[in-house]
Amino acid sequence: MPGLQAFNSALAEELRPLLTECLAVPRWVDAVIAARPYPDVDALAAAAEVDLSADEVLGAIAGHPRIGERAKHDGVSAKWSAAEQSGVDASVADRLVAANLAYEERFGHIYLVCATGLTGERMLEDLAARMGNDPDTELRVVNGELAKIAALRLRKAIA
């Protein structure tokens, strides 16, 4: 999708798959489409700031791979995820696997962070810090991370 003007004028059904790759929450996808036209890219990216329900958060993260793993499907979001996690190297891979398992045991879902620009060491630090959260607080943190990811992906989608 080249450019904001094309995004603003595209048919809703053309945008739905692309937006779902940015954030797999149907209510959000519908809201982003309904709010067009966007005056600029920053306004579009701001649409990623949304308060999701617990079920929406859990549904949205279901399609994300664990940090350090490759996506189980092909497509644009799998490519984005690989690029976003490029800071994970082999030296921390085993520790990330163990930390991910502990996190999943504690919270019942995968650890999710906006990994763009973060090293594997920084993600391990973040994961460890978040282990002290209660489950409701952690869902709010994940909501914020999903918003960051969606904003980055929206910018990529129209670039």
Protein backbone atom coordinates (compact mmCIF):
# COMPACT_ATOMS: atom_id res chain seq x y z
CA MET A 1 0.00 0.00 0.00
CA PRO A 2 1.96 3.00 -1.19
CA GLY A 3 1.10 6.14 0.70
CA LEU A 4 -1.48 7.67 2.94
CA GLN A 5 -3.64 8.91 0.07
CA ALA A 6 -4.01 5.36 -1.26
CA PHE A 7 -4.81 4.13 2.27
CA ASN A 8 -7.46 6.79 2.74
CA SER A 9 -9.14 6.02 -0.59
CA ALA A 10 -8.87 2.20 -0.63
CA LEU A 11 -11.94 0.04 -0.30
CA ALA A 12 -12.51 -1.20 3.23
CA GLU A 13 -12.25 -4.83 2.13
CA GLU A 14 -8.84 -4.12 0.58
CA LEU A 15 -7.58 -2.71 3.89
CA ARG A 16 -9.01 -5.31 6.24
CA PRO A 17 -6.30 -7.98 5.65
CA LEU A 18 -3.47 -5.45 5.89
CA LEU A 19 -4.82 -3.92 9.10
CA THR A 20 -5.34 -7.37 10.59
CA GLU A 21 -1.62 -8.00 9.99
CA CYS A 22 -0.91 -4.86 12.04
CA LEU A 23 -3.24 -5.79 14.92
CA ALA A 24 -5.54 -8.80 14.77
CA VAL A 25 -8.51 -7.21 16.55
CA PRO A 26 -11.61 -6.89 14.35
CA ARG A 27 -13.07 -4.01 16.39
CA TRP A 28 -9.83 -2.05 15.94
CA VAL A 29 -9.65 -2.82 12.23
CA ASP A 30 -13.20 -1.54 11.77
CA ALA A 31 -12.46 1.61 13.80
CA VAL A 32 -9.31 2.43 11.79
CA ILE A 33 -11.22 2.04 8.54
CA ALA A 34 -14.17 4.10 9.79
CA ALA A 35 -11.94 6.98 10.96
CA ARG A 36 -10.54 7.67 7.48
CA PRO A 37 -9.39 9.95 6.02
CA TYR A 38 -6.29 10.51 8.14
CA PRO A 39 -4.63 13.92 7.69
CA ASP A 40 -1.11 12.50 8.12
CA VAL A 41 0.86 9.39 9.01
CA ASP A 42 1.13 10.41 12.66
CA ALA A 43 -2.66 10.52 12.95
CA LEU A 44 -2.90 7.06 11.42
CA ALA A 45 -0.22 5.71 13.78
CA ALA A 46 -2.09 7.26 16.72
CA ALA A 47 -5.04 5.02 15.83
CA ALA A 48 -3.01 2.16 17.30
CA GLU A 49 -3.60 3.59 20.77
CA VAL A 50 -6.60 1.54 21.79
CA ASP A 51 -7.85 0.05 25.04
CA LEU A 52 -8.38 -3.62 24.27
CA SER A 53 -10.38 -6.07 26.33
CA ALA A 54 -8.55 -9.00 27.89
CA ASP A 55 -10.03 -11.32 25.25
CA GLU A 56 -8.89 -8.97 22.47
CA VAL A 57 -5.35 -8.85 23.88
CA LEU A 58 -5.18 -12.63 24.13
CA GLY A 59 -6.61 -13.03 20.63
CA ALA A 60 -4.15 -10.53 19.18
CA ILE A 61 -1.09 -12.17 20.71
CA ALA A 62 -2.16 -15.62 19.56
CA GLY A 63 -0.72 -14.88 16.13
CA HIS A 64 2.61 -13.57 17.41
CA PRO A 65 5.60 -15.89 17.68
CA ARG A 66 7.51 -16.17 20.93
CA ILE A 67 10.46 -13.83 21.17
CA GLY A 68 13.35 -15.64 19.54
CA GLU A 69 11.12 -17.91 17.43
CA ARG A 70 10.04 -17.62 13.83
CA ALA A 71 6.37 -17.15 12.98
CA LYS A 72 4.47 -20.35 12.24
CA HIS A 73 2.87 -18.80 9.16
CA ASP A 74 3.99 -16.87 6.14
CA GLY A 75 2.88 -13.39 5.24
CA VAL A 76 3.70 -9.80 5.86
CA SER A 77 3.35 -9.96 9.65
CA ALA A 78 5.78 -12.91 9.77
CA LYS A 79 8.33 -10.84 7.84
CA TRP A 80 7.71 -7.84 10.08
CA SER A 81 8.11 -10.01 13.18
CA ALA A 82 11.45 -11.40 11.98
CA ALA A 83 12.74 -7.87 11.38
CA GLU A 84 11.36 -6.63 14.70
CA GLN A 85 13.17 -9.41 16.57
CA SER A 86 16.47 -8.95 14.77
CA GLY A 87 18.16 -7.98 18.06
CA VAL A 88 17.89 -11.55 19.35
CA ASP A 89 21.09 -13.46 18.75
CA ALA A 90 22.20 -16.99 19.51
CA SER A 91 24.01 -15.95 22.68
CA VAL A 92 20.72 -15.29 24.49
CA ALA A 93 18.45 -17.74 22.66
CA ASP A 94 18.54 -20.47 25.33
CA ARG A 95 17.92 -17.97 28.12
CA LEU A 96 14.97 -16.50 26.18
CA VAL A 97 13.45 -19.95 25.75
CA ALA A 98 13.65 -20.59 29.50
CA ALA A 99 12.39 -17.10 30.37
CA ASN A 100 9.50 -17.42 27.91
CA LEU A 101 8.46 -20.72 29.49
CA ALA A 102 8.50 -19.24 33.00
CA TYR A 103 6.48 -16.25 31.79
CA GLU A 104 3.91 -18.47 30.07
CA GLU A 105 3.59 -20.60 33.18
CA ARG A 106 2.97 -17.47 35.27
CA PHE A 107 0.58 -15.64 32.94
CA GLY A 108 -0.88 -18.30 30.63
CA HIS A 109 0.16 -16.53 27.41
CA ILE A 110 3.30 -15.64 25.52
CA TYR A 111 5.56 -12.77 26.48
CA LEU A 112 5.10 -9.92 24.04
CA VAL A 113 7.20 -6.81 23.70
CA CYS A 114 7.70 -4.31 20.92
CA ALA A 115 11.11 -5.75 20.07
CA THR A 116 12.13 -3.19 17.46
CA GLY A 117 15.52 -1.82 18.45
CA LEU A 118 15.86 -4.03 21.54
CA THR A 119 18.69 -6.46 22.11
CA GLY A 120 18.03 -9.93 23.41
CA GLU A 121 19.59 -8.89 26.73
CA ARG A 122 17.22 -5.92 27.01
CA MET A 123 14.22 -8.17 26.31
CA LEU A 124 15.37 -10.56 29.04
CA GLU A 125 15.59 -7.63 31.47
CA ASP A 126 12.10 -6.47 30.50
CA LEU A 127 10.66 -9.96 30.82
CA ALA A 128 12.19 -10.40 34.27
CA ALA A 129 10.83 -7.05 35.44
CA ARG A 130 7.34 -7.89 34.20
CA MET A 131 7.27 -11.21 36.08
CA GLY A 132 6.38 -9.19 39.19
CA ASN A 133 3.17 -7.88 37.63
CA ASP A 134 -0.20 -9.27 38.57
CA PRO A 135 -2.11 -10.81 35.61
CA ASP A 136 -4.41 -7.80 35.07
CA THR A 137 -1.51 -5.35 35.11
CA GLU A 138 0.41 -7.55 32.71
CA LEU A 139 -2.50 -7.61 30.24
CA ARG A 140 -2.46 -3.78 30.30
CA VAL A 141 1.29 -3.83 29.62
CA VAL A 142 0.76 -6.25 26.72
CA ASN A 143 -2.00 -3.95 25.41
CA GLY A 144 0.54 -1.12 25.33
CA GLU A 145 3.11 -3.29 23.56
CA LEU A 146 0.52 -4.31 20.96
CA ALA A 147 -0.23 -0.62 20.37
CA LYS A 148 3.47 0.12 19.79
CA ILE A 149 3.76 -2.80 17.37
CA ALA A 150 0.60 -1.78 15.53
CA ALA A 151 1.80 1.82 15.16
CA LEU A 152 5.13 0.68 13.73
CA ARG A 153 3.40 -1.72 11.36
CA LEU A 154 0.92 0.92 10.19
CA ARG A 155 3.85 3.15 9.28
CA LYS A 156 5.51 0.29 7.38
CA ALA A 157 2.27 -0.62 5.64
CA ILE A 158 1.84 2.76 4.00
CA ALA A 159 5.51 3.50 3.37
